[in-house]
Every structure is written in structure tokens, then in C-alpha cells.
Amino acid sequence: MVIPGRPDKYHNPRLRTLYLESQIIEALRSIARREGKSMNELINEILRSYVERHKEGNSTYPLDSWSKKPDFIAQPVRGELTIEYLETLPTNKIREIRALSMKDYEMADQVIWKRQQSNSGVKR
């Protein structure tokens, strides 16, 4: 069904009323304007992305399963760490994050080294 005045990309659109905080609305308007999108396009894009990440069958580990551990501290994904966030953590947690990052770095180096060896024809 095609609704006059509506983009064809919205299949079976339904009108919904949402109550959003003023700051959220202003931020969305600013982002939409900067990206050359309508508010409707931007909100649909955001919600589509959220649903994709959180739909049933997503392999992410539910945080509430970890909350039973008294020393659990949720942390951002690597690459999104900030000094401000790290400054809120106890030293032992910062060391754990550093150790995991170093381990990832070492594994990445191993893979790169293996690829370089196989591309250069050098046998191990």
C-alpha cells in the first residue's frame, strides 16, 4: 500500500506518539540536520540498529547474568575507553583492562606475522 506523501521505503508505516526529553529532541534535530536526514529517517535508523543488536538470538551476554558477581564493573567496549572512565576505576581493574588489551595486541601481532610469512613464501 502506498500512502501519498510518504517515502516508499517505509513498508506498512504506523503512526506512533512518543514522549521524548527536550534535550534528546534537540540532539536528534541537530544530528538529522547535519546528516541531511529527516527526524523520521534518523529515528527509524536508530531504532532499526537497536533492534538488530538486541533481537532474540543475539550472541551478546546479558549483563544481568554478571550482576550476581559483587566485584563486577561494566565497562565500555575496547576502543571506547576514556581517561575519565578509567579514573573512576580502582587500580586493580585498570590493570585487568591493560592486561586484556595487551593480550589482544599480542594475538593481533601473531596473526599479522603469520600472514606476512605466508605471503612472502617463507616456511615455518
PDB file of N, CA and C in Angstrom:
ATOM      1  N   MET A   1       0.839  -1.172   0.000  1.00  0.00           N
ATOM      2  CA  MET A   1       0.000   0.000   0.000  1.00  0.00           C
ATOM      3  C   MET A   1       0.893   1.247   0.000  1.00  0.00           C
ATOM      4  N   VAL A   2       0.626   2.140  -0.887  1.00  0.00           N
ATOM      5  CA  VAL A   2       1.394   3.374  -0.972  1.00  0.00           C
ATOM      6  C   VAL A   2       0.557   4.496  -0.374  1.00  0.00           C
ATOM      7  N   ILE A   3       1.163   5.215   0.564  1.00  0.00           N
ATOM      8  CA  ILE A   3       0.478   6.344   1.177  1.00  0.00           C
ATOM      9  C   ILE A   3       1.020   7.607   0.525  1.00  0.00           C
ATOM     10  N   PRO A   4       0.136   8.428  -0.071  1.00  0.00           N
ATOM     11  CA  PRO A   4       0.614   9.649  -0.724  1.00  0.00           C
ATOM     12  C   PRO A   4       1.423  10.509   0.249  1.00  0.00           C
ATOM     13  N   GLY A   5       2.552  11.012  -0.237  1.00  0.00           N
ATOM     14  CA  GLY A   5       3.388  11.874   0.578  1.00  0.00           C
ATOM     15  C   GLY A   5       4.359  11.126   1.476  1.00  0.00           C
ATOM     16  N   ARG A   6       4.294   9.817   1.512  1.00  0.00           N
ATOM     17  CA  ARG A   6       5.192   9.021   2.346  1.00  0.00           C
ATOM     18  C   ARG A   6       6.233   8.338   1.459  1.00  0.00           C
ATOM     19  N   PRO A   7       7.491   8.275   1.908  1.00  0.00           N
ATOM     20  CA  PRO A   7       8.514   7.563   1.126  1.00  0.00           C
ATOM     21  C   PRO A   7       8.152   6.091   0.982  1.00  0.00           C
ATOM     22  N   ASP A   8       8.447   5.528  -0.193  1.00  0.00           N
ATOM     23  CA  ASP A   8       8.148   4.121  -0.453  1.00  0.00           C
ATOM     24  C   ASP A   8       8.917   3.175   0.451  1.00  0.00           C
ATOM     25  N   LYS A   9      10.060   3.636   1.009  1.00  0.00           N
ATOM     26  CA  LYS A   9      10.899   2.732   1.789  1.00  0.00           C
ATOM     27  C   LYS A   9      10.257   2.300   3.103  1.00  0.00           C
ATOM     28  N   TYR A  10       9.219   3.000   3.556  1.00  0.00           N
ATOM     29  CA  TYR A  10       8.568   2.611   4.807  1.00  0.00           C
ATOM     30  C   TYR A  10       7.410   1.683   4.474  1.00  0.00           C
ATOM     31  N   HIS A  11       7.626   0.404   4.693  1.00  0.00           N
ATOM     32  CA  HIS A  11       6.617  -0.597   4.401  1.00  0.00           C
ATOM     33  C   HIS A  11       5.657  -0.683   5.579  1.00  0.00           C
ATOM     34  N   ASN A  12       4.396  -0.511   5.303  1.00  0.00           N
ATOM     35  CA  ASN A  12       3.365  -0.595   6.318  1.00  0.00           C
ATOM     36  C   ASN A  12       3.657   0.332   7.501  1.00  0.00           C
ATOM     37  N   PRO A  13       3.844   1.631   7.241  1.00  0.00           N
ATOM     38  CA  PRO A  13       4.166   2.545   8.344  1.00  0.00           C
ATOM     39  C   PRO A  13       2.980   2.715   9.283  1.00  0.00           C
ATOM     40  N   ARG A  14       3.272   2.929  10.533  1.00  0.00           N
ATOM     41  CA  ARG A  14       2.242   3.174  11.540  1.00  0.00           C
ATOM     42  C   ARG A  14       2.638   4.416  12.324  1.00  0.00           C
ATOM     43  N   LEU A  15       1.672   5.251  12.566  1.00  0.00           N
ATOM     44  CA  LEU A  15       1.917   6.464  13.320  1.00  0.00           C
ATOM     45  C   LEU A  15       1.926   6.130  14.809  1.00  0.00           C
ATOM     46  N   ARG A  16       2.955   6.593  15.517  1.00  0.00           N
ATOM     47  CA  ARG A  16       3.086   6.376  16.958  1.00  0.00           C
ATOM     48  C   ARG A  16       3.412   7.706  17.613  1.00  0.00           C
ATOM     49  N   THR A  17       2.938   7.878  18.815  1.00  0.00           N
ATOM     50  CA  THR A  17       3.269   9.064  19.584  1.00  0.00           C
ATOM     51  C   THR A  17       4.270   8.671  20.647  1.00  0.00           C
ATOM     52  N   LEU A  18       5.368   9.398  20.700  1.00  0.00           N
ATOM     53  CA  LEU A  18       6.401   9.155  21.704  1.00  0.00           C
ATOM     54  C   LEU A  18       6.632  10.434  22.491  1.00  0.00           C
ATOM     55  N   TYR A  19       6.922  10.290  23.756  1.00  0.00           N
ATOM     56  CA  TYR A  19       7.296  11.424  24.581  1.00  0.00           C
ATOM     57  C   TYR A  19       8.801  11.360  24.777  1.00  0.00           C
ATOM     58  N   LEU A  20       9.494  12.361  24.247  1.00  0.00           N
ATOM     59  CA  LEU A  20      10.945  12.406  24.323  1.00  0.00           C
ATOM     60  C   LEU A  20      11.379  13.617  25.130  1.00  0.00           C
ATOM     61  N   GLU A  21      12.495  13.473  25.813  1.00  0.00           N
ATOM     62  CA  GLU A  21      13.054  14.589  26.561  1.00  0.00           C
ATOM     63  C   GLU A  21      13.484  15.684  25.591  1.00  0.00           C
ATOM     64  N   SER A  22      13.359  16.920  26.025  1.00  0.00           N
ATOM     65  CA  SER A  22      13.701  18.065  25.168  1.00  0.00           C
ATOM     66  C   SER A  22      15.131  17.995  24.655  1.00  0.00           C
ATOM     67  N   GLN A  23      16.063  17.581  25.538  1.00  0.00           N
ATOM     68  CA  GLN A  23      17.475  17.506  25.136  1.00  0.00           C
ATOM     69  C   GLN A  23      17.669  16.465  24.033  1.00  0.00           C
ATOM     70  N   ILE A  24      16.929  15.374  24.122  1.00  0.00           N
ATOM     71  CA  ILE A  24      17.022  14.316  23.102  1.00  0.00           C
ATOM     72  C   ILE A  24      16.499  14.848  21.768  1.00  0.00           C
ATOM     73  N   ILE A  25      15.378  15.526  21.812  1.00  0.00           N
ATOM     74  CA  ILE A  25      14.797  16.066  20.578  1.00  0.00           C
ATOM     75  C   ILE A  25      15.763  17.039  19.913  1.00  0.00           C
ATOM     76  N   GLU A  26      16.346  17.940  20.694  1.00  0.00           N
ATOM     77  CA  GLU A  26      17.281  18.919  20.129  1.00  0.00           C
ATOM     78  C   GLU A  26      18.518  18.227  19.554  1.00  0.00           C
ATOM     79  N   ALA A  27      19.034  17.231  20.262  1.00  0.00           N
ATOM     80  CA  ALA A  27      20.204  16.494  19.762  1.00  0.00           C
ATOM     81  C   ALA A  27      19.859  15.768  18.467  1.00  0.00           C
ATOM     82  N   LEU A  28      18.686  15.138  18.413  1.00  0.00           N
ATOM     83  CA  LEU A  28      18.265  14.437  17.194  1.00  0.00           C
ATOM     84  C   LEU A  28      18.096  15.416  16.036  1.00  0.00           C
ATOM     85  N   ARG A  29      17.493  16.569  16.302  1.00  0.00           N
ATOM     86  CA  ARG A  29      17.333  17.585  15.246  1.00  0.00           C
ATOM     87  C   ARG A  29      18.684  18.017  14.691  1.00  0.00           C
ATOM     88  N   SER A  30      19.625  18.230  15.593  1.00  0.00           N
ATOM     89  CA  SER A  30      20.957  18.658  15.177  1.00  0.00           C
ATOM     90  C   SER A  30      21.633  17.594  14.325  1.00  0.00           C
ATOM     91  N   ILE A  31      21.549  16.350  14.763  1.00  0.00           N
ATOM     92  CA  ILE A  31      22.158  15.236  14.014  1.00  0.00           C
ATOM     93  C   ILE A  31      21.483  15.082  12.661  1.00  0.00           C
ATOM     94  N   ALA A  32      20.148  15.113  12.639  1.00  0.00           N
ATOM     95  CA  ALA A  32      19.408  14.955  11.381  1.00  0.00           C
ATOM     96  C   ALA A  32      19.780  16.055  10.393  1.00  0.00           C
ATOM     97  N   ARG A  33      19.846  17.281  10.879  1.00  0.00           N
ATOM     98  CA  ARG A  33      20.208  18.420  10.021  1.00  0.00           C
ATOM     99  C   ARG A  33      21.621  18.230   9.468  1.00  0.00           C
ATOM    100  N   ARG A  34      22.568  17.855  10.346  1.00  0.00           N
ATOM    101  CA  ARG A  34      23.962  17.675   9.939  1.00  0.00           C
ATOM    102  C   ARG A  34      24.105  16.553   8.911  1.00  0.00           C
ATOM    103  N   GLU A  35      23.310  15.474   9.075  1.00  0.00           N
ATOM    104  CA  GLU A  35      23.414  14.325   8.167  1.00  0.00           C
ATOM    105  C   GLU A  35      22.459  14.414   6.978  1.00  0.00           C
ATOM    106  N   GLY A  36      21.698  15.490   6.900  1.00  0.00           N
ATOM    107  CA  GLY A  36      20.786  15.673   5.768  1.00  0.00           C
ATOM    108  C   GLY A  36      19.639  14.676   5.762  1.00  0.00           C
ATOM    109  N   LYS A  37      19.154  14.324   6.948  1.00  0.00           N
ATOM    110  CA  LYS A  37      18.062  13.358   7.074  1.00  0.00           C
ATOM    111  C   LYS A  37      16.887  14.010   7.774  1.00  0.00           C
ATOM    112  N   SER A  38      15.724  13.418   7.591  1.00  0.00           N
ATOM    113  CA  SER A  38      14.571  13.876   8.363  1.00  0.00           C
ATOM    114  C   SER A  38      14.648  13.245   9.752  1.00  0.00           C
ATOM    115  N   MET A  39      13.931  13.831  10.692  1.00  0.00           N
ATOM    116  CA  MET A  39      13.882  13.242  12.040  1.00  0.00           C
ATOM    117  C   MET A  39      13.335  11.822  11.959  1.00  0.00           C
ATOM    118  N   ASN A  40      12.333  11.623  11.123  1.00  0.00           N
ATOM    119  CA  ASN A  40      11.729  10.300  10.975  1.00  0.00           C
ATOM    120  C   ASN A  40      12.757   9.289  10.482  1.00  0.00           C
ATOM    121  N   GLU A  41      13.539   9.665   9.465  1.00  0.00           N
ATOM    122  CA  GLU A  41      14.575   8.770   8.951  1.00  0.00           C
ATOM    123  C   GLU A  41      15.593   8.429  10.021  1.00  0.00           C
ATOM    124  N   LEU A  42      16.043   9.454  10.743  1.00  0.00           N
ATOM    125  CA  LEU A  42      17.056   9.240  11.769  1.00  0.00           C
ATOM    126  C   LEU A  42      16.548   8.340  12.887  1.00  0.00           C
ATOM    127  N   ILE A  43      15.344   8.613  13.376  1.00  0.00           N
ATOM    128  CA  ILE A  43      14.789   7.801  14.472  1.00  0.00           C
ATOM    129  C   ILE A  43      14.575   6.370  14.021  1.00  0.00           C
ATOM    130  N   ASN A  44      14.071   6.161  12.800  1.00  0.00           N
ATOM    131  CA  ASN A  44      13.911   4.798  12.288  1.00  0.00           C
ATOM    132  C   ASN A  44      15.253   4.082  12.179  1.00  0.00           C
ATOM    133  N   GLU A  45      16.278   4.802  11.713  1.00  0.00           N
ATOM    134  CA  GLU A  45      17.623   4.229  11.595  1.00  0.00           C
ATOM    135  C   GLU A  45      18.157   3.817  12.969  1.00  0.00           C
ATOM    136  N   ILE A  46      17.994   4.683  13.956  1.00  0.00           N
ATOM    137  CA  ILE A  46      18.463   4.393  15.315  1.00  0.00           C
ATOM    138  C   ILE A  46      17.730   3.183  15.886  1.00  0.00           C
ATOM    139  N   LEU A  47      16.411   3.173  15.749  1.00  0.00           N
ATOM    140  CA  LEU A  47      15.633   2.058  16.303  1.00  0.00           C
ATOM    141  C   LEU A  47      15.924   0.751  15.575  1.00  0.00           C
ATOM    142  N   ARG A  48      16.106   0.816  14.249  1.00  0.00           N
ATOM    143  CA  ARG A  48      16.434  -0.387  13.480  1.00  0.00           C
ATOM    144  C   ARG A  48      17.768  -0.974  13.963  1.00  0.00           C
ATOM    145  N   SER A  49      18.741  -0.113  14.191  1.00  0.00           N
ATOM    146  CA  SER A  49      20.043  -0.556  14.673  1.00  0.00           C
ATOM    147  C   SER A  49      19.929  -1.180  16.065  1.00  0.00           C
ATOM    148  N   TYR A  50      19.164  -0.557  16.939  1.00  0.00           N
ATOM    149  CA  TYR A  50      18.984  -1.068  18.303  1.00  0.00           C
ATOM    150  C   TYR A  50      18.321  -2.443  18.272  1.00  0.00           C
ATOM    151  N   VAL A  51      17.247  -2.568  17.484  1.00  0.00           N
ATOM    152  CA  VAL A  51      16.532  -3.838  17.388  1.00  0.00           C
ATOM    153  C   VAL A  51      17.452  -4.924  16.842  1.00  0.00           C
ATOM    154  N   GLU A  52      18.259  -4.606  15.845  1.00  0.00           N
ATOM    155  CA  GLU A  52      19.191  -5.586  15.267  1.00  0.00           C
ATOM    156  C   GLU A  52      20.181  -6.076  16.316  1.00  0.00           C
ATOM    157  N   ARG A  53      20.712  -5.165  17.130  1.00  0.00           N
ATOM    158  CA  ARG A  53      21.691  -5.551  18.156  1.00  0.00           C
ATOM    159  C   ARG A  53      21.070  -6.332  19.302  1.00  0.00           C
ATOM    160  N   HIS A  54      19.799  -6.103  19.581  1.00  0.00           N
ATOM    161  CA  HIS A  54      19.187  -6.684  20.772  1.00  0.00           C
ATOM    162  C   HIS A  54      18.116  -7.730  20.471  1.00  0.00           C
ATOM    163  N   LYS A  55      17.950  -8.101  19.221  1.00  0.00           N
ATOM    164  CA  LYS A  55      16.912  -9.062  18.876  1.00  0.00           C
ATOM    165  C   LYS A  55      17.232 -10.445  19.452  1.00  0.00           C
ATOM    166  N   GLU A  56      16.233 -11.287  19.492  1.00  0.00           N
ATOM    167  CA  GLU A  56      16.420 -12.638  20.003  1.00  0.00           C
ATOM    168  C   GLU A  56      17.462 -13.366  19.155  1.00  0.00           C
ATOM    169  N   GLY A  57      18.330 -14.100  19.828  1.00  0.00           N
ATOM    170  CA  GLY A  57      19.371 -14.821  19.123  1.00  0.00           C
ATOM    171  C   GLY A  57      20.677 -14.064  19.050  1.00  0.00           C
ATOM    172  N   ASN A  58      20.685 -12.802  19.490  1.00  0.00           N
ATOM    173  CA  ASN A  58      21.919 -12.031  19.523  1.00  0.00           C
ATOM    174  C   ASN A  58      22.871 -12.705  20.499  1.00  0.00           C
ATOM    175  N   SER A  59      24.112 -12.799  20.118  1.00  0.00           N
ATOM    176  CA  SER A  59      25.073 -13.565  20.916  1.00  0.00           C
ATOM    177  C   SER A  59      25.655 -12.790  22.090  1.00  0.00           C
ATOM    178  N   THR A  60      25.196 -11.573  22.323  1.00  0.00           N
ATOM    179  CA  THR A  60      25.749 -10.815  23.442  1.00  0.00           C
ATOM    180  C   THR A  60      25.350 -11.458  24.760  1.00  0.00           C
ATOM    181  N   TYR A  61      26.220 -11.342  25.726  1.00  0.00           N
ATOM    182  CA  TYR A  61      25.989 -11.926  27.041  1.00  0.00           C
ATOM    183  C   TYR A  61      25.163 -10.955  27.868  1.00  0.00           C
ATOM    184  N   PRO A  62      24.033 -11.394  28.430  1.00  0.00           N
ATOM    185  CA  PRO A  62      23.204 -10.462  29.192  1.00  0.00           C
ATOM    186  C   PRO A  62      23.911  -9.952  30.442  1.00  0.00           C
ATOM    187  N   LEU A  63      23.919  -8.644  30.614  1.00  0.00           N
ATOM    188  CA  LEU A  63      24.610  -8.054  31.750  1.00  0.00           C
ATOM    189  C   LEU A  63      24.020  -8.481  33.086  1.00  0.00           C
ATOM    190  N   ASP A  64      22.724  -8.784  33.121  1.00  0.00           N
ATOM    191  CA  ASP A  64      22.144  -9.164  34.402  1.00  0.00           C
ATOM    192  C   ASP A  64      22.694 -10.500  34.897  1.00  0.00           C
ATOM    193  N   SER A  65      23.271 -11.294  34.012  1.00  0.00           N
ATOM    194  CA  SER A  65      23.910 -12.541  34.444  1.00  0.00           C
ATOM    195  C   SER A  65      25.185 -12.262  35.224  1.00  0.00           C
ATOM    196  N   TRP A  66      25.822 -11.150  34.919  1.00  0.00           N
ATOM    197  CA  TRP A  66      27.057 -10.791  35.602  1.00  0.00           C
ATOM    198  C   TRP A  66      26.794 -10.051  36.913  1.00  0.00           C
ATOM    199  N   SER A  67      25.617  -9.475  37.033  1.00  0.00           N
ATOM    200  CA  SER A  67      25.359  -8.615  38.189  1.00  0.00           C
ATOM    201  C   SER A  67      25.393  -9.377  39.506  1.00  0.00           C
ATOM    202  N   LYS A  68      25.365 -10.698  39.454  1.00  0.00           N
ATOM    203  CA  LYS A  68      25.434 -11.501  40.674  1.00  0.00           C
ATOM    204  C   LYS A  68      26.840 -11.499  41.262  1.00  0.00           C
ATOM    205  N   LYS A  69      27.830 -11.105  40.462  1.00  0.00           N
ATOM    206  CA  LYS A  69      29.204 -11.023  40.950  1.00  0.00           C
ATOM    207  C   LYS A  69      29.384  -9.693  41.662  1.00  0.00           C
ATOM    208  N   PRO A  70      29.737  -9.709  42.930  1.00  0.00           N
ATOM    209  CA  PRO A  70      29.833  -8.444  43.662  1.00  0.00           C
ATOM    210  C   PRO A  70      30.919  -7.503  43.142  1.00  0.00           C
ATOM    211  N   ASP A  71      31.957  -8.039  42.482  1.00  0.00           N
ATOM    212  CA  ASP A  71      33.032  -7.163  42.010  1.00  0.00           C
ATOM    213  C   ASP A  71      32.887  -6.790  40.535  1.00  0.00           C
ATOM    214  N   PHE A  72      31.730  -7.132  39.934  1.00  0.00           N
ATOM    215  CA  PHE A  72      31.521  -6.831  38.518  1.00  0.00           C
ATOM    216  C   PHE A  72      31.411  -5.332  38.296  1.00  0.00           C
ATOM    217  N   ILE A  73      32.145  -4.830  37.310  1.00  0.00           N
ATOM    218  CA  ILE A  73      32.046  -3.432  36.897  1.00  0.00           C
ATOM    219  C   ILE A  73      31.866  -3.439  35.381  1.00  0.00           C
ATOM    220  N   ALA A  74      30.739  -2.910  34.917  1.00  0.00           N
ATOM    221  CA  ALA A  74      30.514  -2.823  33.468  1.00  0.00           C
ATOM    222  C   ALA A  74      31.512  -1.829  32.894  1.00  0.00           C
ATOM    223  N   GLN A  75      32.021  -2.121  31.712  1.00  0.00           N
ATOM    224  CA  GLN A  75      32.976  -1.211  31.092  1.00  0.00           C
ATOM    225  C   GLN A  75      32.691  -1.087  29.609  1.00  0.00           C
ATOM    226  N   PRO A  76      33.074   0.036  29.012  1.00  0.00           N
ATOM    227  CA  PRO A  76      32.853   0.235  27.584  1.00  0.00           C
ATOM    228  C   PRO A  76      33.651  -0.771  26.753  1.00  0.00           C
ATOM    229  N   VAL A  77      33.238  -0.925  25.520  1.00  0.00           N
ATOM    230  CA  VAL A  77      33.950  -1.768  24.576  1.00  0.00           C
ATOM    231  C   VAL A  77      35.330  -1.172  24.361  1.00  0.00           C
ATOM    232  N   ARG A  78      36.332  -2.031  24.165  1.00  0.00           N
ATOM    233  CA  ARG A  78      37.672  -1.502  23.901  1.00  0.00           C
ATOM    234  C   ARG A  78      37.618  -0.577  22.700  1.00  0.00           C
ATOM    235  N   GLY A  79      38.395   0.447  22.755  1.00  0.00           N
ATOM    236  CA  GLY A  79      38.362   1.457  21.712  1.00  0.00           C
ATOM    237  C   GLY A  79      37.464   2.624  22.096  1.00  0.00           C
ATOM    238  N   GLU A  80      36.599   2.409  23.100  1.00  0.00           N
ATOM    239  CA  GLU A  80      35.730   3.474  23.574  1.00  0.00           C
ATOM    240  C   GLU A  80      36.101   3.901  24.999  1.00  0.00           C
ATOM    241  N   LEU A  81      37.208   3.378  25.505  1.00  0.00           N
ATOM    242  CA  LEU A  81      37.641   3.772  26.842  1.00  0.00           C
ATOM    243  C   LEU A  81      38.088   5.227  26.827  1.00  0.00           C
ATOM    244  N   THR A  82      37.814   5.908  27.913  1.00  0.00           N
ATOM    245  CA  THR A  82      38.265   7.289  28.046  1.00  0.00           C
ATOM    246  C   THR A  82      39.062   7.417  29.334  1.00  0.00           C
ATOM    247  N   ILE A  83      39.891   8.413  29.397  1.00  0.00           N
ATOM    248  CA  ILE A  83      40.646   8.701  30.621  1.00  0.00           C
ATOM    249  C   ILE A  83      39.672   8.925  31.777  1.00  0.00           C
ATOM    250  N   GLU A  84      38.605   9.675  31.499  1.00  0.00           N
ATOM    251  CA  GLU A  84      37.634   9.972  32.555  1.00  0.00           C
ATOM    252  C   GLU A  84      37.052   8.691  33.139  1.00  0.00           C
ATOM    253  N   TYR A  85      36.726   7.722  32.261  1.00  0.00           N
ATOM    254  CA  TYR A  85      36.173   6.459  32.747  1.00  0.00           C
ATOM    255  C   TYR A  85      37.220   5.698  33.563  1.00  0.00           C
ATOM    256  N   LEU A  86      38.434   5.599  33.033  1.00  0.00           N
ATOM    257  CA  LEU A  86      39.482   4.861  33.741  1.00  0.00           C
ATOM    258  C   LEU A  86      39.762   5.464  35.113  1.00  0.00           C
ATOM    259  N   GLU A  87      39.678   6.775  35.222  1.00  0.00           N
ATOM    260  CA  GLU A  87      39.930   7.425  36.506  1.00  0.00           C
ATOM    261  C   GLU A  87      38.899   7.071  37.572  1.00  0.00           C
ATOM    262  N   THR A  88      37.752   6.537  37.162  1.00  0.00           N
ATOM    263  CA  THR A  88      36.728   6.148  38.133  1.00  0.00           C
ATOM    264  C   THR A  88      36.952   4.736  38.678  1.00  0.00           C
ATOM    265  N   LEU A  89      37.855   3.976  38.049  1.00  0.00           N
ATOM    266  CA  LEU A  89      38.064   2.576  38.411  1.00  0.00           C
ATOM    267  C   LEU A  89      39.171   2.402  39.439  1.00  0.00           C
ATOM    268  N   PRO A  90      39.058   1.326  40.233  1.00  0.00           N
ATOM    269  CA  PRO A  90      40.177   1.001  41.123  1.00  0.00           C
ATOM    270  C   PRO A  90      41.374   0.520  40.294  1.00  0.00           C
ATOM    271  N   THR A  91      42.556   0.664  40.829  1.00  0.00           N
ATOM    272  CA  THR A  91      43.788   0.327  40.112  1.00  0.00           C
ATOM    273  C   THR A  91      43.798  -1.118  39.623  1.00  0.00           C
ATOM    274  N   ASN A  92      43.306  -2.049  40.439  1.00  0.00           N
ATOM    275  CA  ASN A  92      43.324  -3.453  40.010  1.00  0.00           C
ATOM    276  C   ASN A  92      42.476  -3.672  38.753  1.00  0.00           C
ATOM    277  N   LYS A  93      41.366  -2.957  38.609  1.00  0.00           N
ATOM    278  CA  LYS A  93      40.530  -3.090  37.406  1.00  0.00           C
ATOM    279  C   LYS A  93      41.237  -2.484  36.197  1.00  0.00           C
ATOM    280  N   ILE A  94      41.940  -1.387  36.405  1.00  0.00           N
ATOM    281  CA  ILE A  94      42.694  -0.772  35.300  1.00  0.00           C
ATOM    282  C   ILE A  94      43.770  -1.743  34.822  1.00  0.00           C
ATOM    283  N   ARG A  95      44.420  -2.412  35.756  1.00  0.00           N
ATOM    284  CA  ARG A  95      45.443  -3.400  35.372  1.00  0.00           C
ATOM    285  C   ARG A  95      44.831  -4.559  34.592  1.00  0.00           C
ATOM    286  N   GLU A  96      43.626  -4.997  34.986  1.00  0.00           N
ATOM    287  CA  GLU A  96      42.942  -6.076  34.251  1.00  0.00           C
ATOM    288  C   GLU A  96      42.657  -5.646  32.813  1.00  0.00           C
ATOM    289  N   ILE A  97      42.165  -4.429  32.650  1.00  0.00           N
ATOM    290  CA  ILE A  97      41.874  -3.915  31.306  1.00  0.00           C
ATOM    291  C   ILE A  97      43.156  -3.840  30.484  1.00  0.00           C
ATOM    292  N   ARG A  98      44.228  -3.355  31.090  1.00  0.00           N
ATOM    293  CA  ARG A  98      45.510  -3.260  30.396  1.00  0.00           C
ATOM    294  C   ARG A  98      45.993  -4.639  29.973  1.00  0.00           C
ATOM    295  N   ALA A  99      45.893  -5.624  30.869  1.00  0.00           N
ATOM    296  CA  ALA A  99      46.352  -6.978  30.551  1.00  0.00           C
ATOM    297  C   ALA A  99      45.555  -7.563  29.389  1.00  0.00           C
ATOM    298  N   LEU A 100      44.241  -7.370  29.388  1.00  0.00           N
ATOM    299  CA  LEU A 100      43.422  -7.874  28.280  1.00  0.00           C
ATOM    300  C   LEU A 100      43.778  -7.186  26.976  1.00  0.00           C
ATOM    301  N   SER A 101      44.005  -5.888  27.044  1.00  0.00           N
ATOM    302  CA  SER A 101      44.375  -5.142  25.837  1.00  0.00           C
ATOM    303  C   SER A 101      45.715  -5.618  25.295  1.00  0.00           C
ATOM    304  N   MET A 102      46.661  -5.862  26.203  1.00  0.00           N
ATOM    305  CA  MET A 102      47.979  -6.341  25.774  1.00  0.00           C
ATOM    306  C   MET A 102      47.858  -7.726  25.137  1.00  0.00           C
ATOM    307  N   LYS A 103      47.009  -8.567  25.694  1.00  0.00           N
ATOM    308  CA  LYS A 103      46.808  -9.906  25.132  1.00  0.00           C
ATOM    309  C   LYS A 103      46.224  -9.801  23.722  1.00  0.00           C
ATOM    310  N   ASP A 104      45.236  -8.928  23.540  1.00  0.00           N
ATOM    311  CA  ASP A 104      44.660  -8.722  22.209  1.00  0.00           C
ATOM    312  C   ASP A 104      45.712  -8.219  21.232  1.00  0.00           C
ATOM    313  N   TYR A 105      46.541  -7.289  21.678  1.00  0.00           N
ATOM    314  CA  TYR A 105      47.603  -6.722  20.855  1.00  0.00           C
ATOM    315  C   TYR A 105      48.564  -7.829  20.413  1.00  0.00           C
ATOM    316  N   GLU A 106      48.950  -8.699  21.347  1.00  0.00           N
ATOM    317  CA  GLU A 106      49.876  -9.792  21.030  1.00  0.00           C
ATOM    318  C   GLU A 106      49.257 -10.772  20.033  1.00  0.00           C
ATOM    319  N   MET A 107      47.972 -11.094  20.220  1.00  0.00           N
ATOM    320  CA  MET A 107      47.298 -12.009  19.282  1.00  0.00           C
ATOM    321  C   MET A 107      47.236 -11.396  17.885  1.00  0.00           C
ATOM    322  N   ALA A 108      46.941 -10.094  17.827  1.00  0.00           N
ATOM    323  CA  ALA A 108      46.885  -9.420  16.530  1.00  0.00           C
ATOM    324  C   ALA A 108      48.254  -9.456  15.857  1.00  0.00           C
ATOM    325  N   ASP A 109      49.309  -9.230  16.630  1.00  0.00           N
ATOM    326  CA  ASP A 109      50.662  -9.312  16.090  1.00  0.00           C
ATOM    327  C   ASP A 109      50.963 -10.701  15.533  1.00  0.00           C
ATOM    328  N   GLN A 110      50.534 -11.751  16.227  1.00  0.00           N
ATOM    329  CA  GLN A 110      50.767 -13.123  15.764  1.00  0.00           C
ATOM    330  C   GLN A 110      50.080 -13.369  14.426  1.00  0.00           C
ATOM    331  N   VAL A 111      48.843 -12.913  14.295  1.00  0.00           N
ATOM    332  CA  VAL A 111      48.107 -13.114  13.044  1.00  0.00           C
ATOM    333  C   VAL A 111      48.773 -12.350  11.904  1.00  0.00           C
ATOM    334  N   ILE A 112      49.159 -11.112  12.164  1.00  0.00           N
ATOM    335  CA  ILE A 112      49.838 -10.312  11.141  1.00  0.00           C
ATOM    336  C   ILE A 112      51.141 -10.980  10.731  1.00  0.00           C
ATOM    337  N   TRP A 113      51.922 -11.450  11.698  1.00  0.00           N
ATOM    338  CA  TRP A 113      53.186 -12.106  11.407  1.00  0.00           C
ATOM    339  C   TRP A 113      52.957 -13.354  10.551  1.00  0.00           C
ATOM    340  N   LYS A 114      51.967 -14.176  10.909  1.00  0.00           N
ATOM    341  CA  LYS A 114      51.661 -15.379  10.122  1.00  0.00           C
ATOM    342  C   LYS A 114      51.289 -15.030   8.689  1.00  0.00           C
ATOM    343  N   ARG A 115      50.476 -13.990   8.527  1.00  0.00           N
ATOM    344  CA  ARG A 115      50.073 -13.585   7.172  1.00  0.00           C
ATOM    345  C   ARG A 115      51.266 -13.082   6.374  1.00  0.00           C
ATOM    346  N   GLN A 116      52.133 -12.327   7.014  1.00  0.00           N
ATOM    347  CA  GLN A 116      53.328 -11.837   6.317  1.00  0.00           C
ATOM    348  C   GLN A 116      54.214 -12.997   5.898  1.00  0.00           C
ATOM    349  N   GLN A 117      54.340 -14.000   6.768  1.00  0.00           N
ATOM    350  CA  GLN A 117      55.173 -15.159   6.432  1.00  0.00           C
ATOM    351  C   GLN A 117      54.581 -15.942   5.269  1.00  0.00           C
ATOM    352  N   SER A 118      53.253 -16.127   5.293  1.00  0.00           N
ATOM    353  CA  SER A 118      52.631 -16.912   4.213  1.00  0.00           C
ATOM    354  C   SER A 118      52.641 -16.137   2.904  1.00  0.00           C
ATOM    355  N   ASN A 119      52.559 -14.826   2.961  1.00  0.00           N
ATOM    356  CA  ASN A 119      52.587 -14.017   1.728  1.00  0.00           C
ATOM    357  C   ASN A 119      53.986 -13.910   1.143  1.00  0.00           C
ATOM    358  N   SER A 120      55.005 -14.047   1.984  1.00  0.00           N
ATOM    359  CA  SER A 120      56.367 -13.905   1.479  1.00  0.00           C
ATOM    360  C   SER A 120      56.945 -15.238   1.024  1.00  0.00           C
ATOM    361  N   GLY A 121      56.182 -16.290   1.227  1.00  0.00           N
ATOM    362  CA  GLY A 121      56.656 -17.612   0.821  1.00  0.00           C
ATOM    363  C   GLY A 121      57.592 -18.268   1.811  1.00  0.00           C
ATOM    364  N   VAL A 122      57.802 -17.678   2.943  1.00  0.00           N
ATOM    365  CA  VAL A 122      58.693 -18.243   3.960  1.00  0.00           C
ATOM    366  C   VAL A 122      57.947 -19.349   4.685  1.00  0.00           C
ATOM    367  N   LYS A 123      58.600 -20.497   4.820  1.00  0.00           N
ATOM    368  CA  LYS A 123      58.007 -21.638   5.526  1.00  0.00           C
ATOM    369  C   LYS A 123      58.407 -21.600   6.975  1.00  0.00           C
ATOM    370  N   ARG A 124      57.514 -22.029   7.851  1.00  0.00           N
ATOM    371  CA  ARG A 124      57.847 -22.098   9.268  1.00  0.00           C
ATOM    372  C   ARG A 124      58.353 -23.454   9.615  1.00  0.00           C
TER     373      ARG A 124
END
